[in-house]
PDB file of N, CA and C in Angstrom:
ATOM      1  N   MET A   1      79.329  93.774 106.848  1.00  0.00           N
ATOM      2  CA  MET A   1      79.587  94.389 108.232  1.00  0.00           C
ATOM      3  C   MET A   1      80.353  94.121 108.799  1.00  0.00           C
ATOM      4  N   LEU A   2      81.097  94.541 109.567  1.00  0.00           N
ATOM      5  CA  LEU A   2      82.229  94.759 110.710  1.00  0.00           C
ATOM      6  C   LEU A   2      81.946  93.795 111.130  1.00  0.00           C
ATOM      7  N   LYS A   3      82.543  92.790 111.525  1.00  0.00           N
ATOM      8  CA  LYS A   3      82.186  91.732 112.761  1.00  0.00           C
ATOM      9  C   LYS A   3      81.826  91.941 113.895  1.00  0.00           C
ATOM     10  N   PHE A   4      83.211  92.752 114.441  1.00  0.00           N
ATOM     11  CA  PHE A   4      82.645  92.844 115.709  1.00  0.00           C
ATOM     12  C   PHE A   4      82.010  94.239 116.187  1.00  0.00           C
ATOM     13  N   LEU A   5      81.406  94.499 115.543  1.00  0.00           N
ATOM     14  CA  LEU A   5      80.784  95.197 115.745  1.00  0.00           C
ATOM     15  C   LEU A   5      79.567  95.016 117.258  1.00  0.00           C
ATOM     16  N   THR A   6      79.272  94.220 118.026  1.00  0.00           N
ATOM     17  CA  THR A   6      78.498  93.770 118.847  1.00  0.00           C
ATOM     18  C   THR A   6      79.834  93.171 120.048  1.00  0.00           C
ATOM     19  N   ALA A   7      80.343  93.630 119.874  1.00  0.00           N
ATOM     20  CA  ALA A   7      81.936  93.785 121.022  1.00  0.00           C
ATOM     21  C   ALA A   7      81.258  95.004 122.146  1.00  0.00           C
ATOM     22  N   ILE A   8      81.390  93.974 123.534  1.00  0.00           N
ATOM     23  CA  ILE A   8      81.536  94.963 123.959  1.00  0.00           C
ATOM     24  C   ILE A   8      82.372  94.380 125.721  1.00  0.00           C
ATOM     25  N   ALA A   9      82.495  95.690 126.096  1.00  0.00           N
ATOM     26  CA  ALA A   9      83.934  95.891 127.031  1.00  0.00           C
ATOM     27  C   ALA A   9      83.177  95.817 128.271  1.00  0.00           C
ATOM     28  N   ILE A  10      83.335  95.113 129.546  1.00  0.00           N
ATOM     29  CA  ILE A  10      83.232  95.697 130.632  1.00  0.00           C
ATOM     30  C   ILE A  10      84.756  96.022 131.705  1.00  0.00           C
ATOM     31  N   ILE A  11      85.176  96.449 132.264  1.00  0.00           N
ATOM     32  CA  ILE A  11      85.601  96.675 133.010  1.00  0.00           C
ATOM     33  C   ILE A  11      85.413  96.570 134.599  1.00  0.00           C
ATOM     34  N   ALA A  12      86.113  95.256 134.796  1.00  0.00           N
ATOM     35  CA  ALA A  12      85.414  95.196 136.409  1.00  0.00           C
ATOM     36  C   ALA A  12      85.859  96.893 137.428  1.00  0.00           C
ATOM     37  N   GLN A  13      85.081  96.593 138.933  1.00  0.00           N
ATOM     38  CA  GLN A  13      85.620  98.473 138.917  1.00  0.00           C
ATOM     39  C   GLN A  13      86.452  98.308 139.795  1.00  0.00           C
ATOM     40  N   ASN A  14      86.966  96.791 140.412  1.00  0.00           N
ATOM     41  CA  ASN A  14      88.092  96.724 141.651  1.00  0.00           C
ATOM     42  C   ASN A  14      88.540  96.215 141.018  1.00  0.00           C
ATOM     43  N   SER A  15      89.198  95.866 139.098  1.00  0.00           N
ATOM     44  CA  SER A  15      90.682  95.368 139.270  1.00  0.00           C
ATOM     45  C   SER A  15      91.019  96.384 137.893  1.00  0.00           C
ATOM     46  N   HIS A  16      92.129  95.453 137.217  1.00  0.00           N
ATOM     47  CA  HIS A  16      92.162  96.392 135.659  1.00  0.00           C
ATOM     48  C   HIS A  16      91.707  95.261 134.880  1.00  0.00           C
ATOM     49  N   PHE A  17      91.179  94.320 135.232  1.00  0.00           N
ATOM     50  CA  PHE A  17      91.097  92.725 134.316  1.00  0.00           C
ATOM     51  C   PHE A  17      89.447  93.752 133.183  1.00  0.00           C
ATOM     52  N   ILE A  18      89.928  93.090 132.286  1.00  0.00           N
ATOM     53  CA  ILE A  18      89.084  93.151 130.567  1.00  0.00           C
ATOM     54  C   ILE A  18      88.487  92.203 130.452  1.00  0.00           C
ATOM     55  N   LYS A  19      87.272  92.409 130.336  1.00  0.00           N
ATOM     56  CA  LYS A  19      86.255  91.433 129.876  1.00  0.00           C
ATOM     57  C   LYS A  19      86.263  91.250 128.359  1.00  0.00           C
ATOM     58  N   ILE A  20      86.219  90.588 127.561  1.00  0.00           N
ATOM     59  CA  ILE A  20      84.943  90.935 126.583  1.00  0.00           C
ATOM     60  C   ILE A  20      83.946  90.090 125.807  1.00  0.00           C
ATOM     61  N   LEU A  21      82.768  90.503 126.121  1.00  0.00           N
ATOM     62  CA  LEU A  21      82.619  89.724 125.701  1.00  0.00           C
ATOM     63  C   LEU A  21      81.584  89.858 124.820  1.00  0.00           C
ATOM     64  N   CYS A  22      81.785  88.719 123.571  1.00  0.00           N
ATOM     65  CA  CYS A  22      81.178  88.585 122.408  1.00  0.00           C
ATOM     66  C   CYS A  22      79.103  88.218 121.662  1.00  0.00           C
ATOM     67  N   CYS A  23      79.213  89.121 121.014  1.00  0.00           N
ATOM     68  CA  CYS A  23      78.023  87.847 120.554  1.00  0.00           C
ATOM     69  C   CYS A  23      78.096  86.672 118.842  1.00  0.00           C
ATOM     70  N   ASP A  24      78.922  87.299 118.826  1.00  0.00           N
ATOM     71  CA  ASP A  24      79.857  86.733 117.155  1.00  0.00           C
ATOM     72  C   ASP A  24      80.423  86.269 117.883  1.00  0.00           C
ATOM     73  N   ALA A  25      80.867  85.661 117.203  1.00  0.00           N
ATOM     74  CA  ALA A  25      82.132  83.757 117.344  1.00  0.00           C
ATOM     75  C   ALA A  25      82.861  84.107 116.342  1.00  0.00           C
ATOM     76  N   GLU A  26      82.878  85.478 116.068  1.00  0.00           N
ATOM     77  CA  GLU A  26      84.132  85.240 115.140  1.00  0.00           C
ATOM     78  C   GLU A  26      85.598  87.044 115.905  1.00  0.00           C
ATOM     79  N   ILE A  27      84.586  86.831 117.145  1.00  0.00           N
ATOM     80  CA  ILE A  27      85.706  87.665 117.932  1.00  0.00           C
ATOM     81  C   ILE A  27      85.490  87.088 119.418  1.00  0.00           C
ATOM     82  N   LEU A  28      84.658  85.798 119.453  1.00  0.00           N
ATOM     83  CA  LEU A  28      85.002  85.054 120.878  1.00  0.00           C
ATOM     84  C   LEU A  28      86.766  85.295 121.259  1.00  0.00           C
ATOM     85  N   SER A  29      87.506  84.808 120.257  1.00  0.00           N
ATOM     86  CA  SER A  29      88.846  85.408 121.627  1.00  0.00           C
ATOM     87  C   SER A  29      89.242  86.761 119.889  1.00  0.00           C
ATOM     88  N   PRO A  30      89.267  87.973 120.924  1.00  0.00           N
ATOM     89  CA  PRO A  30      89.876  88.998 120.705  1.00  0.00           C
ATOM     90  C   PRO A  30      91.015  89.405 120.830  1.00  0.00           C
ATOM     91  N   ASP A  31      91.930  89.684 119.700  1.00  0.00           N
ATOM     92  CA  ASP A  31      92.857  89.852 119.651  1.00  0.00           C
ATOM     93  C   ASP A  31      94.359  91.137 120.290  1.00  0.00           C
ATOM     94  N   ALA A  32      95.232  91.092 120.237  1.00  0.00           N
ATOM     95  CA  ALA A  32      96.382  91.827 121.319  1.00  0.00           C
ATOM     96  C   ALA A  32      95.757  93.264 120.573  1.00  0.00           C
ATOM     97  N   GLU A  33      95.676  93.681 119.709  1.00  0.00           N
ATOM     98  CA  GLU A  33      95.164  94.867 118.952  1.00  0.00           C
ATOM     99  C   GLU A  33      94.220  95.722 119.571  1.00  0.00           C
ATOM    100  N   ILE A  34      92.609  94.574 119.239  1.00  0.00           N
ATOM    101  CA  ILE A  34      91.964  95.454 119.933  1.00  0.00           C
ATOM    102  C   ILE A  34      91.922  95.374 122.042  1.00  0.00           C
ATOM    103  N   LEU A  35      92.361  94.965 122.329  1.00  0.00           N
ATOM    104  CA  LEU A  35      93.209  94.429 123.800  1.00  0.00           C
ATOM    105  C   LEU A  35      93.631  96.070 124.070  1.00  0.00           C
ATOM    106  N   SER A  36      94.668  95.711 123.209  1.00  0.00           N
ATOM    107  CA  SER A  36      95.335  97.164 123.623  1.00  0.00           C
ATOM    108  C   SER A  36      95.116  98.744 123.758  1.00  0.00           C
ATOM    109  N   VAL A  37      93.667  99.175 122.771  1.00  0.00           N
ATOM    110  CA  VAL A  37      92.819  99.656 122.845  1.00  0.00           C
ATOM    111  C   VAL A  37      91.772  99.631 123.693  1.00  0.00           C
ATOM    112  N   LEU A  38      91.611  98.332 124.174  1.00  0.00           N
ATOM    113  CA  LEU A  38      90.579  98.701 125.655  1.00  0.00           C
ATOM    114  C   LEU A  38      91.427  99.576 127.009  1.00  0.00           C
ATOM    115  N   GLU A  39      91.827  99.186 126.573  1.00  0.00           N
ATOM    116  CA  GLU A  39      93.221  99.479 127.887  1.00  0.00           C
ATOM    117  C   GLU A  39      93.221 100.589 127.998  1.00  0.00           C
ATOM    118  N   GLU A  40      93.334 102.316 126.833  1.00  0.00           N
ATOM    119  CA  GLU A  40      93.206 103.166 126.475  1.00  0.00           C
ATOM    120  C   GLU A  40      92.045 103.952 126.756  1.00  0.00           C
ATOM    121  N   ILE A  41      91.123 103.036 127.072  1.00  0.00           N
ATOM    122  CA  ILE A  41      89.612 103.977 127.046  1.00  0.00           C
ATOM    123  C   ILE A  41      88.854 104.041 128.284  1.00  0.00           C
ATOM    124  N   PRO A  42      88.799 105.217 128.807  1.00  0.00           N
ATOM    125  CA  PRO A  42      88.452 105.029 130.341  1.00  0.00           C
ATOM    126  C   PRO A  42      87.074 104.666 130.279  1.00  0.00           C
ATOM    127  N   ALA A  43      86.554 104.436 131.425  1.00  0.00           N
ATOM    128  CA  ALA A  43      85.833 103.434 131.727  1.00  0.00           C
ATOM    129  C   ALA A  43      84.359 104.644 133.211  1.00  0.00           C
ATOM    130  N   ILE A  44      83.837 104.877 132.360  1.00  0.00           N
ATOM    131  CA  ILE A  44      82.533 105.633 133.365  1.00  0.00           C
ATOM    132  C   ILE A  44      82.701 104.796 134.448  1.00  0.00           C
ATOM    133  N   ASP A  45      81.718 105.891 135.741  1.00  0.00           N
ATOM    134  CA  ASP A  45      81.744 106.182 137.354  1.00  0.00           C
ATOM    135  C   ASP A  45      80.689 104.625 137.201  1.00  0.00           C
ATOM    136  N   ALA A  46      80.466 103.617 136.336  1.00  0.00           N
ATOM    137  CA  ALA A  46      79.490 102.554 136.412  1.00  0.00           C
ATOM    138  C   ALA A  46      80.771 101.739 136.579  1.00  0.00           C
ATOM    139  N   GLY A  47      81.485 101.526 135.420  1.00  0.00           N
ATOM    140  CA  GLY A  47      82.543 100.423 135.361  1.00  0.00           C
ATOM    141  C   GLY A  47      82.300  99.162 134.442  1.00  0.00           C
ATOM    142  N   ILE A  48      81.238 100.072 133.842  1.00  0.00           N
ATOM    143  CA  ILE A  48      81.028  99.574 132.596  1.00  0.00           C
ATOM    144  C   ILE A  48      80.574 100.642 131.030  1.00  0.00           C
ATOM    145  N   PHE A  49      81.233 100.376 130.017  1.00  0.00           N
ATOM    146  CA  PHE A  49      81.221 100.987 129.138  1.00  0.00           C
ATOM    147  C   PHE A  49      81.035  99.945 127.611  1.00  0.00           C
ATOM    148  N   THR A  50      80.043 100.758 126.686  1.00  0.00           N
ATOM    149  CA  THR A  50      80.400 100.227 125.308  1.00  0.00           C
ATOM    150  C   THR A  50      80.904 100.814 124.361  1.00  0.00           C
ATOM    151  N   ALA A  51      81.557  99.716 124.323  1.00  0.00           N
ATOM    152  CA  ALA A  51      83.332 100.081 123.665  1.00  0.00           C
ATOM    153  C   ALA A  51      83.508 100.609 122.193  1.00  0.00           C
ATOM    154  N   HIS A  52      82.554  99.772 121.099  1.00  0.00           N
ATOM    155  CA  HIS A  52      82.297  99.409 120.061  1.00  0.00           C
ATOM    156  C   HIS A  52      82.589 100.943 118.727  1.00  0.00           C
ATOM    157  N   ASP A  53      81.913 101.852 119.456  1.00  0.00           N
ATOM    158  CA  ASP A  53      82.552 103.085 118.589  1.00  0.00           C
ATOM    159  C   ASP A  53      84.335 103.572 118.325  1.00  0.00           C
ATOM    160  N   GLU A  54      84.684 103.231 119.652  1.00  0.00           N
ATOM    161  CA  GLU A  54      86.178 103.758 120.092  1.00  0.00           C
ATOM    162  C   GLU A  54      86.803 102.951 119.412  1.00  0.00           C
ATOM    163  N   ILE A  55      86.217 101.103 119.912  1.00  0.00           N
ATOM    164  CA  ILE A  55      87.184 100.587 118.868  1.00  0.00           C
ATOM    165  C   ILE A  55      87.467 100.283 117.926  1.00  0.00           C
ATOM    166  N   LEU A  56      86.358 100.415 117.198  1.00  0.00           N
ATOM    167  CA  LEU A  56      86.372 101.140 115.617  1.00  0.00           C
ATOM    168  C   LEU A  56      86.473 102.051 115.069  1.00  0.00           C
ATOM    169  N   LEU A  57      86.888 103.084 115.840  1.00  0.00           N
ATOM    170  CA  LEU A  57      88.094 104.479 115.086  1.00  0.00           C
ATOM    171  C   LEU A  57      89.039 104.771 115.834  1.00  0.00           C
ATOM    172  N   ARG A  58      89.188 103.859 116.848  1.00  0.00           N
ATOM    173  CA  ARG A  58      90.844 103.977 117.256  1.00  0.00           C
ATOM    174  C   ARG A  58      91.658 103.257 116.412  1.00  0.00           C
ATOM    175  N   LEU A  59      90.507 101.615 115.159  1.00  0.00           N
ATOM    176  CA  LEU A  59      91.215 100.844 115.423  1.00  0.00           C
ATOM    177  C   LEU A  59      91.888 101.741 113.626  1.00  0.00           C
ATOM    178  N   GLY A  60      90.646 102.625 113.176  1.00  0.00           N
ATOM    179  CA  GLY A  60      90.655 103.003 111.182  1.00  0.00           C
ATOM    180  C   GLY A  60      89.766 102.302 110.809  1.00  0.00           C
ATOM    181  N   LYS A  61      88.451 101.812 112.147  1.00  0.00           N
ATOM    182  CA  LYS A  61      87.601 101.132 110.763  1.00  0.00           C
ATOM    183  C   LYS A  61      86.132 101.972 110.414  1.00  0.00           C
ATOM    184  N   ILE A  62      86.068 102.683 110.966  1.00  0.00           N
ATOM    185  CA  ILE A  62      85.560 103.514 110.544  1.00  0.00           C
ATOM    186  C   ILE A  62      85.967 105.012 110.952  1.00  0.00           C
ATOM    187  N   SER A  63      85.270 106.044 110.155  1.00  0.00           N
ATOM    188  CA  SER A  63      85.782 107.370 110.109  1.00  0.00           C
ATOM    189  C   SER A  63      84.881 108.317 111.273  1.00  0.00           C
ATOM    190  N   THR A  64      83.979 107.499 111.161  1.00  0.00           N
ATOM    191  CA  THR A  64      82.858 108.252 111.863  1.00  0.00           C
ATOM    192  C   THR A  64      81.269 107.464 112.793  1.00  0.00           C
ATOM    193  N   GLN A  65      80.877 107.633 113.071  1.00  0.00           N
ATOM    194  CA  GLN A  65      80.197 106.779 114.015  1.00  0.00           C
ATOM    195  C   GLN A  65      78.776 106.177 112.962  1.00  0.00           C
ATOM    196  N   ASP A  66      78.548 104.983 113.077  1.00  0.00           N
ATOM    197  CA  ASP A  66      78.065 105.132 112.430  1.00  0.00           C
ATOM    198  C   ASP A  66      76.535 104.151 113.237  1.00  0.00           C
ATOM    199  N   THR A  67      75.403 104.412 112.630  1.00  0.00           N
ATOM    200  CA  THR A  67      74.254 104.177 113.419  1.00  0.00           C
ATOM    201  C   THR A  67      73.741 103.105 114.165  1.00  0.00           C
ATOM    202  N   GLU A  68      73.802 102.057 113.211  1.00  0.00           N
ATOM    203  CA  GLU A  68      74.329 100.392 113.725  1.00  0.00           C
ATOM    204  C   GLU A  68      74.960  99.965 114.484  1.00  0.00           C
ATOM    205  N   ILE A  69      75.689 101.001 114.687  1.00  0.00           N
ATOM    206  CA  ILE A  69      76.742 100.436 116.191  1.00  0.00           C
ATOM    207  C   ILE A  69      76.353 100.754 117.369  1.00  0.00           C
ATOM    208  N   VAL A  70      75.789 102.231 117.027  1.00  0.00           N
ATOM    209  CA  VAL A  70      75.500 102.905 117.879  1.00  0.00           C
ATOM    210  C   VAL A  70      74.095 102.058 119.021  1.00  0.00           C
ATOM    211  N   GLU A  71      73.108 101.696 117.410  1.00  0.00           N
ATOM    212  CA  GLU A  71      71.895 100.663 118.494  1.00  0.00           C
ATOM    213  C   GLU A  71      72.704  99.299 118.659  1.00  0.00           C
ATOM    214  N   ASN A  72      73.815  98.420 118.430  1.00  0.00           N
ATOM    215  CA  ASN A  72      73.748  97.690 119.005  1.00  0.00           C
ATOM    216  C   ASN A  72      74.478  97.959 120.505  1.00  0.00           C
ATOM    217  N   ASN A  73      74.599  98.683 120.456  1.00  0.00           N
ATOM    218  CA  ASN A  73      75.800  98.990 121.744  1.00  0.00           C
ATOM    219  C   ASN A  73      74.195  99.183 122.609  1.00  0.00           C
ATOM    220  N   LYS A  74      73.475 100.141 122.477  1.00  0.00           N
ATOM    221  CA  LYS A  74      71.802 100.549 123.447  1.00  0.00           C
ATOM    222  C   LYS A  74      71.964  98.710 123.639  1.00  0.00           C
ATOM    223  N   LYS A  75      71.650  97.973 122.773  1.00  0.00           N
ATOM    224  CA  LYS A  75      70.480  96.615 122.922  1.00  0.00           C
ATOM    225  C   LYS A  75      71.818  95.567 123.855  1.00  0.00           C
ATOM    226  N   LEU A  76      72.872  95.760 123.279  1.00  0.00           N
ATOM    227  CA  LEU A  76      73.716  94.787 124.596  1.00  0.00           C
ATOM    228  C   LEU A  76      73.862  95.583 126.144  1.00  0.00           C
ATOM    229  N   ALA A  77      73.745  97.118 126.081  1.00  0.00           N
ATOM    230  CA  ALA A  77      74.209  97.647 127.416  1.00  0.00           C
ATOM    231  C   ALA A  77      72.937  97.205 128.101  1.00  0.00           C
ATOM    232  N   GLU A  78      71.186  96.642 127.184  1.00  0.00           N
ATOM    233  CA  GLU A  78      70.495  96.383 128.092  1.00  0.00           C
ATOM    234  C   GLU A  78      70.757  95.234 128.770  1.00  0.00           C
ATOM    235  N   ILE A  79      71.372  93.973 128.209  1.00  0.00           N
ATOM    236  CA  ILE A  79      71.055  92.934 128.114  1.00  0.00           C
ATOM    237  C   ILE A  79      72.302  92.729 129.142  1.00  0.00           C
ATOM    238  N   THR A  80      73.594  93.104 129.038  1.00  0.00           N
ATOM    239  CA  THR A  80      74.127  92.732 130.360  1.00  0.00           C
ATOM    240  C   THR A  80      73.689  93.733 132.114  1.00  0.00           C
ATOM    241  N   ARG A  81      72.414  94.565 131.280  1.00  0.00           N
ATOM    242  CA  ARG A  81      72.253  94.878 133.193  1.00  0.00           C
ATOM    243  C   ARG A  81      72.032  93.758 133.799  1.00  0.00           C
TER     244      ARG A  81
END
């Protein structure tokens, strides 16, 4: 299983700062490739989005959305509220 399925990206509403919250120790320090991908993903109005699917798709790690990724997104979104 890919190790960064549990990543969630939060963009602060009033800045361009990107913070990666990780539940997996292997991605506590996201690399430049992931950060550059995140910079291209538009934030939704609330200023928070779960970016697992988009990160994986843009990095070529998966070709379609995985149901487990979607479920992880929902769980992590609940945690950050």
